[in-house]
Amino acid sequence: MLTSKQIKDFNENGFVKGDVILNDAEVERLREELDLVMDGKSVKKPVLTREMNDNNSEFAMKMAKKDTVVQIVNMWMASEAFLNHAANETLCEEVAQLSKTDTLRIWHDQVQYKPPVVGGPGDWHQDHPAWPIIQPADLISAWVALDDATIENGCMWMVPQSHLWGDQQKYLSNTPDFKPSHQQPDLLPQGANTQAIPFEIKKGQVGYHHCLTWHGSGPNRSQRKRRAIAVHYMPGHVRYEPTGSHPMEPFVTVKPGEILKGDDFPIVYKKKTVTSL
């Protein structure tokens, strides 16, 4: 469980580091599963593997390569190991702490892989503006490193307190040295500091961030890989609100305004209650 200081830091800054929650063997298992999917050798759900290199395929499993950053979405559908990871007791309990909920569902997950030397940067962004069909913006991501994520190999950077400034996505861009730039700073709260800080994470360690926190990353110019699995969790009150479009929309089976749930958004955490006899 997270300490009161960690929870306070998250509420104030929009991100916080947790502990190392995967041992070497657990990390290696996820790496092996990732290799199978990337090599087209996953046999658990071959229909999803068939579509993994098709950018026009449904969102159930999509792999796209852009600027030598490989992104794979919804690994949990293709790999039991990644589904078990999404239901990791420590991750779920701590996300539930941060989001003050008794129920968590998977919105989706994603692997991001930056290969050595040629790994590209990650554009500065907020997560929730890319998810316009779900409200409110209360989702939290658990980002677990499968390699040490350092400045040298393209770790994430965060802007403290940016989760408190609302949707600023259309004004965000990148500086030549991969730092954030806001095109209309007068729209930000008075005194807002947009300076980013590095968010280095050890192999097997988790970092949590709010879905409105500004984050981005530099390139990987090291000789080391930078692999990570991020699970985006929905607290129990998140609703389907079709105010935009999203590739996950075909998987939604509830009506507008209803809690977003269903087989493609599985419950991975339900707070245990104690009943006295």
C-alpha atoms as a PDB file:
ATOM      1  CA  MET A   1       0.000   0.000   0.000  1.00  0.00           C
ATOM      2  CA  LEU A   2       1.113   3.539  -0.678  1.00  0.00           C
ATOM      3  CA  THR A   3       2.069   5.791   2.215  1.00  0.00           C
ATOM      4  CA  SER A   4       0.148   8.933   3.087  1.00  0.00           C
ATOM      5  CA  LYS A   5       3.102  10.962   1.761  1.00  0.00           C
ATOM      6  CA  GLN A   6       3.008   9.158  -1.593  1.00  0.00           C
ATOM      7  CA  ILE A   7      -0.726   9.809  -1.887  1.00  0.00           C
ATOM      8  CA  LYS A   8      -0.193  13.471  -0.960  1.00  0.00           C
ATOM      9  CA  ASP A   9       2.579  13.781  -3.567  1.00  0.00           C
ATOM     10  CA  PHE A  10       0.356  12.247  -6.235  1.00  0.00           C
ATOM     11  CA  ASN A  11      -2.549  14.539  -5.428  1.00  0.00           C
ATOM     12  CA  GLU A  12      -0.264  17.583  -5.562  1.00  0.00           C
ATOM     13  CA  ASN A  13       1.911  16.685  -8.553  1.00  0.00           C
ATOM     14  CA  GLY A  14      -0.127  14.203 -10.630  1.00  0.00           C
ATOM     15  CA  PHE A  15       2.451  11.414 -10.475  1.00  0.00           C
ATOM     16  CA  VAL A  16       4.380   9.340  -7.960  1.00  0.00           C
ATOM     17  CA  LYS A  17       6.804   6.431  -7.915  1.00  0.00           C
ATOM     18  CA  GLY A  18       5.842   3.158  -6.283  1.00  0.00           C
ATOM     19  CA  ASP A  19       8.078   0.260  -5.337  1.00  0.00           C
ATOM     20  CA  VAL A  20       9.686  -2.470  -7.402  1.00  0.00           C
ATOM     21  CA  ILE A  21       6.689  -4.802  -7.762  1.00  0.00           C
ATOM     22  CA  LEU A  22       8.064  -7.370 -10.248  1.00  0.00           C
ATOM     23  CA  ASN A  23      11.054  -9.607  -9.599  1.00  0.00           C
ATOM     24  CA  ASP A  24      13.551 -10.546 -12.314  1.00  0.00           C
ATOM     25  CA  ALA A  25      11.698 -13.744 -13.246  1.00  0.00           C
ATOM     26  CA  GLU A  26       8.375 -11.900 -13.598  1.00  0.00           C
ATOM     27  CA  VAL A  27       9.960  -9.223 -15.763  1.00  0.00           C
ATOM     28  CA  GLU A  28      11.580 -11.864 -17.960  1.00  0.00           C
ATOM     29  CA  ARG A  29       8.246 -13.636 -18.439  1.00  0.00           C
ATOM     30  CA  LEU A  30       6.652 -10.418 -19.731  1.00  0.00           C
ATOM     31  CA  ARG A  31       9.644  -9.759 -21.977  1.00  0.00           C
ATOM     32  CA  GLU A  32       9.322 -13.254 -23.480  1.00  0.00           C
ATOM     33  CA  GLU A  33       5.599 -12.774 -24.090  1.00  0.00           C
ATOM     34  CA  LEU A  34       6.296  -9.418 -25.712  1.00  0.00           C
ATOM     35  CA  ASP A  35       8.861 -11.005 -28.035  1.00  0.00           C
ATOM     36  CA  LEU A  36       6.340 -13.645 -29.108  1.00  0.00           C
ATOM     37  CA  VAL A  37       3.777 -11.007 -30.035  1.00  0.00           C
ATOM     38  CA  MET A  38       6.273  -8.787 -31.823  1.00  0.00           C
ATOM     39  CA  ASP A  39       7.577 -11.787 -33.785  1.00  0.00           C
ATOM     40  CA  GLY A  40       4.041 -12.860 -34.745  1.00  0.00           C
ATOM     41  CA  LYS A  41       4.425 -16.103 -32.794  1.00  0.00           C
ATOM     42  CA  SER A  42       1.745 -15.589 -30.155  1.00  0.00           C
ATOM     43  CA  VAL A  43      -0.631 -18.553 -30.303  1.00  0.00           C
ATOM     44  CA  LYS A  44      -2.879 -17.656 -27.379  1.00  0.00           C
ATOM     45  CA  LYS A  45      -5.236 -15.554 -29.523  1.00  0.00           C
ATOM     46  CA  PRO A  46      -3.992 -15.769 -33.096  1.00  0.00           C
ATOM     47  CA  VAL A  47      -6.836 -13.673 -34.497  1.00  0.00           C
ATOM     48  CA  LEU A  48      -5.398 -10.697 -32.673  1.00  0.00           C
ATOM     49  CA  THR A  49      -1.854 -11.490 -33.723  1.00  0.00           C
ATOM     50  CA  ARG A  50      -2.968 -11.633 -37.334  1.00  0.00           C
ATOM     51  CA  GLU A  51      -4.006  -8.003 -37.136  1.00  0.00           C
ATOM     52  CA  MET A  52      -1.063  -6.656 -35.154  1.00  0.00           C
ATOM     53  CA  ASN A  53       0.760  -5.057 -38.120  1.00  0.00           C
ATOM     54  CA  ASP A  54      -2.414  -3.742 -39.760  1.00  0.00           C
ATOM     55  CA  ASN A  55      -2.837  -0.071 -38.929  1.00  0.00           C
ATOM     56  CA  ASN A  56      -6.435  -0.248 -40.158  1.00  0.00           C
ATOM     57  CA  SER A  57      -7.359  -3.117 -37.850  1.00  0.00           C
ATOM     58  CA  GLU A  58      -9.629  -2.800 -34.853  1.00  0.00           C
ATOM     59  CA  PHE A  59      -8.138  -1.564 -31.609  1.00  0.00           C
ATOM     60  CA  ALA A  60      -8.258  -5.005 -29.986  1.00  0.00           C
ATOM     61  CA  MET A  61      -4.659  -5.507 -31.010  1.00  0.00           C
ATOM     62  CA  LYS A  62      -2.734  -2.910 -32.957  1.00  0.00           C
ATOM     63  CA  MET A  63       0.979  -2.444 -33.408  1.00  0.00           C
ATOM     64  CA  ALA A  64       2.270   0.664 -35.103  1.00  0.00           C
ATOM     65  CA  LYS A  65       5.843   1.773 -35.658  1.00  0.00           C
ATOM     66  CA  LYS A  66       6.466   5.500 -35.682  1.00  0.00           C
ATOM     67  CA  ASP A  67       9.848   7.128 -35.298  1.00  0.00           C
ATOM     68  CA  THR A  68      11.242   3.776 -34.160  1.00  0.00           C
ATOM     69  CA  VAL A  69       8.897   3.612 -31.181  1.00  0.00           C
ATOM     70  CA  VAL A  70       6.847   0.430 -31.239  1.00  0.00           C
ATOM     71  CA  GLN A  71       3.447   0.566 -29.515  1.00  0.00           C
ATOM     72  CA  ILE A  72       1.288  -2.469 -28.856  1.00  0.00           C
ATOM     73  CA  VAL A  73      -2.206  -1.939 -27.482  1.00  0.00           C
ATOM     74  CA  ASN A  74      -4.217  -4.386 -25.351  1.00  0.00           C
ATOM     75  CA  MET A  75      -1.534  -6.958 -24.681  1.00  0.00           C
ATOM     76  CA  TRP A  76      -3.863  -8.379 -22.045  1.00  0.00           C
ATOM     77  CA  MET A  77      -6.083  -9.747 -24.818  1.00  0.00           C
ATOM     78  CA  ALA A  78      -3.185 -11.641 -26.391  1.00  0.00           C
ATOM     79  CA  SER A  79      -1.289 -12.791 -23.316  1.00  0.00           C
ATOM     80  CA  GLU A  80      -2.443 -14.332 -20.068  1.00  0.00           C
ATOM     81  CA  ALA A  81       0.763 -13.101 -18.445  1.00  0.00           C
ATOM     82  CA  PHE A  82      -0.120  -9.494 -19.283  1.00  0.00           C
ATOM     83  CA  LEU A  83      -3.704 -10.003 -18.113  1.00  0.00           C
ATOM     84  CA  ASN A  84      -2.356 -11.325 -14.816  1.00  0.00           C
ATOM     85  CA  HIS A  85      -0.080  -8.311 -14.661  1.00  0.00           C
ATOM     86  CA  ALA A  86      -3.036  -5.949 -15.116  1.00  0.00           C
ATOM     87  CA  ALA A  87      -4.686  -7.689 -12.161  1.00  0.00           C
ATOM     88  CA  ASN A  88      -1.523  -7.512 -10.026  1.00  0.00           C
ATOM     89  CA  GLU A  89      -2.713  -7.087  -6.457  1.00  0.00           C
ATOM     90  CA  THR A  90      -0.207  -4.388  -5.555  1.00  0.00           C
ATOM     91  CA  LEU A  91      -0.898  -2.330  -8.675  1.00  0.00           C
ATOM     92  CA  CYS A  92      -4.644  -2.537  -8.267  1.00  0.00           C
ATOM     93  CA  GLU A  93      -4.706  -1.773  -4.552  1.00  0.00           C
ATOM     94  CA  GLU A  94      -2.470   1.237  -4.994  1.00  0.00           C
ATOM     95  CA  VAL A  95      -4.383   2.617  -7.976  1.00  0.00           C
ATOM     96  CA  ALA A  96      -7.593   2.140  -5.972  1.00  0.00           C
ATOM     97  CA  GLN A  97      -5.989   4.128  -3.156  1.00  0.00           C
ATOM     98  CA  LEU A  98      -5.076   6.974  -5.496  1.00  0.00           C
ATOM     99  CA  SER A  99      -8.445   7.069  -7.252  1.00  0.00           C
ATOM    100  CA  LYS A 100     -10.479   6.503  -4.072  1.00  0.00           C
ATOM    101  CA  THR A 101     -12.548   3.709  -5.606  1.00  0.00           C
ATOM    102  CA  ASP A 102     -13.618   0.196  -4.679  1.00  0.00           C
ATOM    103  CA  THR A 103     -13.690  -1.049  -8.297  1.00  0.00           C
ATOM    104  CA  LEU A 104     -11.172  -0.908 -11.134  1.00  0.00           C
ATOM    105  CA  ARG A 105     -11.613  -1.863 -14.776  1.00  0.00           C
ATOM    106  CA  ILE A 106      -9.093  -1.951 -17.600  1.00  0.00           C
ATOM    107  CA  TRP A 107      -9.618   0.839 -20.115  1.00  0.00           C
ATOM    108  CA  HIS A 108      -6.730  -0.511 -22.146  1.00  0.00           C
ATOM    109  CA  ASP A 109      -3.043  -1.235 -21.806  1.00  0.00           C
ATOM    110  CA  GLN A 110      -0.069  -0.520 -23.998  1.00  0.00           C
ATOM    111  CA  VAL A 111       3.523  -1.591 -24.396  1.00  0.00           C
ATOM    112  CA  GLN A 112       5.990   0.979 -25.622  1.00  0.00           C
ATOM    113  CA  TYR A 113       9.370  -0.195 -26.868  1.00  0.00           C
ATOM    114  CA  LYS A 114      12.248   2.101 -27.766  1.00  0.00           C
ATOM    115  CA  PRO A 115      15.032   0.104 -29.391  1.00  0.00           C
ATOM    116  CA  PRO A 116      18.678   0.949 -28.650  1.00  0.00           C
ATOM    117  CA  VAL A 117      20.337   3.875 -30.452  1.00  0.00           C
ATOM    118  CA  VAL A 118      17.418   4.621 -32.805  1.00  0.00           C
ATOM    119  CA  GLY A 119      14.543   4.800 -30.304  1.00  0.00           C
ATOM    120  CA  GLY A 120      12.502   7.914 -30.974  1.00  0.00           C
ATOM    121  CA  PRO A 121      11.077  10.511 -28.588  1.00  0.00           C
ATOM    122  CA  GLY A 122       7.534  10.542 -27.255  1.00  0.00           C
ATOM    123  CA  ASP A 123       5.487  13.654 -27.991  1.00  0.00           C
ATOM    124  CA  TRP A 124       4.279  15.740 -25.064  1.00  0.00           C
ATOM    125  CA  HIS A 125       0.665  14.957 -24.317  1.00  0.00           C
ATOM    126  CA  GLN A 126      -2.097  14.307 -21.820  1.00  0.00           C
ATOM    127  CA  ASP A 127      -3.828  10.923 -21.926  1.00  0.00           C
ATOM    128  CA  HIS A 128      -7.473  11.782 -21.357  1.00  0.00           C
ATOM    129  CA  PRO A 129      -7.970  14.162 -24.298  1.00  0.00           C
ATOM    130  CA  ALA A 130      -7.299  11.143 -26.529  1.00  0.00           C
ATOM    131  CA  TRP A 131     -10.097   9.256 -24.750  1.00  0.00           C
ATOM    132  CA  PRO A 132     -13.127  11.504 -25.415  1.00  0.00           C
ATOM    133  CA  ILE A 133     -15.719   8.749 -25.009  1.00  0.00           C
ATOM    134  CA  ILE A 134     -15.146   8.285 -21.279  1.00  0.00           C
ATOM    135  CA  GLN A 135     -15.826  10.694 -18.409  1.00  0.00           C
ATOM    136  CA  PRO A 136     -14.835  11.985 -15.955  1.00  0.00           C
ATOM    137  CA  ALA A 137     -11.057  12.391 -16.313  1.00  0.00           C
ATOM    138  CA  ASP A 138     -10.260  10.312 -13.252  1.00  0.00           C
ATOM    139  CA  LEU A 139      -8.188   7.508 -14.792  1.00  0.00           C
ATOM    140  CA  ILE A 140      -4.764   6.541 -13.473  1.00  0.00           C
ATOM    141  CA  SER A 141      -2.018   4.732 -15.348  1.00  0.00           C
ATOM    142  CA  ALA A 142       0.407   2.248 -13.805  1.00  0.00           C
ATOM    143  CA  TRP A 143       3.646   2.353 -15.839  1.00  0.00           C
ATOM    144  CA  VAL A 144       5.979  -0.560 -15.079  1.00  0.00           C
ATOM    145  CA  ALA A 145       9.482  -0.620 -16.532  1.00  0.00           C
ATOM    146  CA  LEU A 146      10.716  -3.837 -18.142  1.00  0.00           C
ATOM    147  CA  ASP A 147      14.173  -2.262 -18.426  1.00  0.00           C
ATOM    148  CA  ASP A 148      15.705   0.468 -16.315  1.00  0.00           C
ATOM    149  CA  ALA A 149      14.198   3.663 -17.749  1.00  0.00           C
ATOM    150  CA  THR A 150      16.785   6.448 -17.515  1.00  0.00           C
ATOM    151  CA  ILE A 151      17.369   9.807 -19.161  1.00  0.00           C
ATOM    152  CA  GLU A 152      19.894   8.132 -21.456  1.00  0.00           C
ATOM    153  CA  ASN A 153      17.469   5.557 -22.880  1.00  0.00           C
ATOM    154  CA  GLY A 154      14.401   7.782 -23.099  1.00  0.00           C
ATOM    155  CA  CYS A 155      12.581   7.729 -19.767  1.00  0.00           C
ATOM    156  CA  MET A 156       9.392   9.715 -19.303  1.00  0.00           C
ATOM    157  CA  TRP A 157       9.400  13.290 -18.053  1.00  0.00           C
ATOM    158  CA  MET A 158       6.536  14.861 -16.107  1.00  0.00           C
ATOM    159  CA  VAL A 159       5.299  18.390 -15.419  1.00  0.00           C
ATOM    160  CA  PRO A 160       4.315  18.679 -11.732  1.00  0.00           C
ATOM    161  CA  GLN A 161       0.784  19.917 -10.991  1.00  0.00           C
ATOM    162  CA  SER A 162      -0.195  19.908 -14.683  1.00  0.00           C
ATOM    163  CA  HIS A 163      -3.086  17.519 -13.969  1.00  0.00           C
ATOM    164  CA  LEU A 164      -4.788  20.455 -12.229  1.00  0.00           C
ATOM    165  CA  TRP A 165      -4.808  22.669 -15.342  1.00  0.00           C
ATOM    166  CA  GLY A 166      -7.514  20.887 -17.341  1.00  0.00           C
ATOM    167  CA  ASP A 167      -7.380  19.842 -20.983  1.00  0.00           C
ATOM    168  CA  GLN A 168      -4.453  21.680 -22.584  1.00  0.00           C
ATOM    169  CA  GLN A 169      -3.652  19.106 -25.259  1.00  0.00           C
ATOM    170  CA  LYS A 170      -4.229  21.282 -28.333  1.00  0.00           C
ATOM    171  CA  TYR A 171      -1.686  23.799 -27.065  1.00  0.00           C
ATOM    172  CA  LEU A 172       1.084  21.277 -26.252  1.00  0.00           C
ATOM    173  CA  SER A 173       4.101  20.816 -28.481  1.00  0.00           C
ATOM    174  CA  ASN A 174       7.747  19.828 -28.209  1.00  0.00           C
ATOM    175  CA  THR A 175      10.879  21.938 -28.058  1.00  0.00           C
ATOM    176  CA  PRO A 176      13.927  20.874 -30.116  1.00  0.00           C
ATOM    177  CA  ASP A 177      15.391  19.287 -26.972  1.00  0.00           C
ATOM    178  CA  PHE A 178      12.163  17.283 -26.344  1.00  0.00           C
ATOM    179  CA  LYS A 179      10.795  19.445 -23.539  1.00  0.00           C
ATOM    180  CA  PRO A 180       7.164  20.669 -23.349  1.00  0.00           C
ATOM    181  CA  SER A 181       5.999  23.896 -24.919  1.00  0.00           C
ATOM    182  CA  HIS A 182       2.585  25.528 -24.398  1.00  0.00           C
ATOM    183  CA  GLN A 183       1.420  27.723 -27.272  1.00  0.00           C
ATOM    184  CA  GLN A 184      -0.859  29.971 -25.199  1.00  0.00           C
ATOM    185  CA  PRO A 185       0.594  30.148 -21.670  1.00  0.00           C
ATOM    186  CA  ASP A 186      -1.843  32.927 -20.740  1.00  0.00           C
ATOM    187  CA  LEU A 187      -4.530  30.189 -20.575  1.00  0.00           C
ATOM    188  CA  LEU A 188      -2.692  28.485 -17.723  1.00  0.00           C
ATOM    189  CA  PRO A 189      -3.243  29.367 -14.056  1.00  0.00           C
ATOM    190  CA  GLN A 190      -1.190  32.290 -12.823  1.00  0.00           C
ATOM    191  CA  GLY A 191       2.220  31.114 -11.684  1.00  0.00           C
ATOM    192  CA  ALA A 192       1.996  27.752 -13.470  1.00  0.00           C
ATOM    193  CA  ASN A 193       5.464  26.261 -13.923  1.00  0.00           C
ATOM    194  CA  THR A 194       5.709  24.123 -17.059  1.00  0.00           C
ATOM    195  CA  GLN A 195       9.254  22.896 -16.408  1.00  0.00           C
ATOM    196  CA  ALA A 196       9.469  19.110 -16.703  1.00  0.00           C
ATOM    197  CA  ILE A 197      11.399  16.742 -14.457  1.00  0.00           C
ATOM    198  CA  PRO A 198      12.728  13.259 -15.319  1.00  0.00           C
ATOM    199  CA  PHE A 199      10.725  10.259 -14.097  1.00  0.00           C
ATOM    200  CA  GLU A 200      13.379   7.532 -14.023  1.00  0.00           C
ATOM    201  CA  ILE A 201      12.021   4.090 -13.143  1.00  0.00           C
ATOM    202  CA  LYS A 202      13.958   0.936 -12.269  1.00  0.00           C
ATOM    203  CA  LYS A 203      13.295  -2.406 -13.923  1.00  0.00           C
ATOM    204  CA  GLY A 204      10.213  -3.916 -12.289  1.00  0.00           C
ATOM    205  CA  GLN A 205       9.285  -0.646 -10.571  1.00  0.00           C
ATOM    206  CA  VAL A 206       5.958   1.128 -11.055  1.00  0.00           C
ATOM    207  CA  GLY A 207       5.259   4.787 -11.621  1.00  0.00           C
ATOM    208  CA  TYR A 208       1.702   6.156 -11.403  1.00  0.00           C
ATOM    209  CA  HIS A 209       0.387   9.191 -13.254  1.00  0.00           C
ATOM    210  CA  HIS A 210      -2.960  10.944 -13.618  1.00  0.00           C
ATOM    211  CA  CYS A 211      -4.624  10.965 -17.037  1.00  0.00           C
ATOM    212  CA  LEU A 212      -4.281  14.770 -17.307  1.00  0.00           C
ATOM    213  CA  THR A 213      -0.615  14.956 -16.299  1.00  0.00           C
ATOM    214  CA  TRP A 214       1.640  16.326 -19.032  1.00  0.00           C
ATOM    215  CA  HIS A 215       4.256  13.762 -19.987  1.00  0.00           C
ATOM    216  CA  GLY A 216       6.680  13.040 -22.801  1.00  0.00           C
ATOM    217  CA  SER A 217      10.050  11.431 -23.373  1.00  0.00           C
ATOM    218  CA  GLY A 218      13.327  11.897 -25.177  1.00  0.00           C
ATOM    219  CA  PRO A 219      14.945   9.499 -27.635  1.00  0.00           C
ATOM    220  CA  ASN A 220      16.881   6.366 -26.770  1.00  0.00           C
ATOM    221  CA  ARG A 221      20.472   6.947 -27.836  1.00  0.00           C
ATOM    222  CA  SER A 222      21.897   4.344 -25.472  1.00  0.00           C
ATOM    223  CA  GLN A 223      22.886   0.761 -26.218  1.00  0.00           C
ATOM    224  CA  ARG A 224      20.024  -0.500 -24.012  1.00  0.00           C
ATOM    225  CA  LYS A 225      16.400  -1.282 -24.778  1.00  0.00           C
ATOM    226  CA  ARG A 226      13.583   0.666 -23.125  1.00  0.00           C
ATOM    227  CA  ARG A 227      10.479  -1.470 -22.724  1.00  0.00           C
ATOM    228  CA  ALA A 228       7.510  -0.780 -20.451  1.00  0.00           C
ATOM    229  CA  ILE A 229       3.902  -1.845 -19.895  1.00  0.00           C
ATOM    230  CA  ALA A 230       1.328   0.782 -18.964  1.00  0.00           C
ATOM    231  CA  VAL A 231      -2.130  -0.220 -17.779  1.00  0.00           C
ATOM    232  CA  HIS A 232      -4.774   2.509 -17.868  1.00  0.00           C
ATOM    233  CA  TYR A 233      -7.293   1.869 -15.087  1.00  0.00           C
ATOM    234  CA  MET A 234     -10.853   3.177 -14.863  1.00  0.00           C
ATOM    235  CA  PRO A 235     -12.326   3.735 -11.395  1.00  0.00           C
ATOM    236  CA  GLY A 236     -15.778   2.280 -10.941  1.00  0.00           C
ATOM    237  CA  HIS A 237     -17.680   5.499 -11.704  1.00  0.00           C
ATOM    238  CA  VAL A 238     -16.289   6.170 -15.216  1.00  0.00           C
ATOM    239  CA  ARG A 239     -19.110   6.572 -17.762  1.00  0.00           C
ATOM    240  CA  TYR A 240     -19.503   6.140 -21.486  1.00  0.00           C
ATOM    241  CA  GLU A 241     -20.040   9.617 -22.942  1.00  0.00           C
ATOM    242  CA  PRO A 242     -19.793   9.570 -26.758  1.00  0.00           C
ATOM    243  CA  THR A 243     -18.617  13.165 -27.137  1.00  0.00           C
ATOM    244  CA  GLY A 244     -15.987  12.192 -29.684  1.00  0.00           C
ATOM    245  CA  SER A 245     -14.649   9.125 -31.442  1.00  0.00           C
ATOM    246  CA  HIS A 246     -12.233   6.453 -30.310  1.00  0.00           C
ATOM    247  CA  PRO A 247     -11.126   3.063 -31.712  1.00  0.00           C
ATOM    248  CA  MET A 248     -12.467   1.316 -28.604  1.00  0.00           C
ATOM    249  CA  GLU A 249     -16.003   2.533 -29.333  1.00  0.00           C
ATOM    250  CA  PRO A 250     -16.987  -0.632 -31.282  1.00  0.00           C
ATOM    251  CA  PHE A 251     -16.376  -2.622 -28.093  1.00  0.00           C
ATOM    252  CA  VAL A 252     -18.758  -0.515 -25.982  1.00  0.00           C
ATOM    253  CA  THR A 253     -22.058  -2.256 -25.232  1.00  0.00           C
ATOM    254  CA  VAL A 254     -23.585   0.189 -22.734  1.00  0.00           C
ATOM    255  CA  LYS A 255     -25.753   3.243 -23.388  1.00  0.00           C
ATOM    256  CA  PRO A 256     -24.514   6.835 -23.143  1.00  0.00           C
ATOM    257  CA  GLY A 257     -24.295   7.946 -19.538  1.00  0.00           C
ATOM    258  CA  GLU A 258     -23.970   4.407 -18.193  1.00  0.00           C
ATOM    259  CA  ILE A 259     -20.955   2.972 -16.382  1.00  0.00           C
ATOM    260  CA  LEU A 260     -18.485   1.684 -18.953  1.00  0.00           C
ATOM    261  CA  LYS A 261     -18.283  -2.053 -18.403  1.00  0.00           C
ATOM    262  CA  GLY A 262     -18.294  -5.310 -20.319  1.00  0.00           C
ATOM    263  CA  ASP A 263     -16.044  -8.198 -21.303  1.00  0.00           C
ATOM    264  CA  ASP A 264     -13.622  -5.889 -23.107  1.00  0.00           C
ATOM    265  CA  PHE A 265     -13.304  -3.696 -19.988  1.00  0.00           C
ATOM    266  CA  PRO A 266     -12.854  -6.373 -17.306  1.00  0.00           C
ATOM    267  CA  ILE A 267     -12.935  -5.770 -13.576  1.00  0.00           C
ATOM    268  CA  VAL A 268      -9.479  -6.449 -12.151  1.00  0.00           C
ATOM    269  CA  TYR A 269     -10.087  -5.139  -8.653  1.00  0.00           C
ATOM    270  CA  LYS A 270     -13.014  -5.194  -6.264  1.00  0.00           C
ATOM    271  CA  LYS A 271     -12.460  -4.076  -2.700  1.00  0.00           C
ATOM    272  CA  LYS A 272     -13.044  -6.863  -0.261  1.00  0.00           C
ATOM    273  CA  THR A 273     -15.658  -6.258   2.384  1.00  0.00           C
ATOM    274  CA  VAL A 274     -15.752  -7.950   5.766  1.00  0.00           C
ATOM    275  CA  THR A 275     -19.141  -9.202   6.918  1.00  0.00           C
ATOM    276  CA  SER A 276     -19.557  -9.742  10.658  1.00  0.00           C
ATOM    277  CA  LEU A 277     -21.533 -12.772  11.794  1.00  0.00           C
END
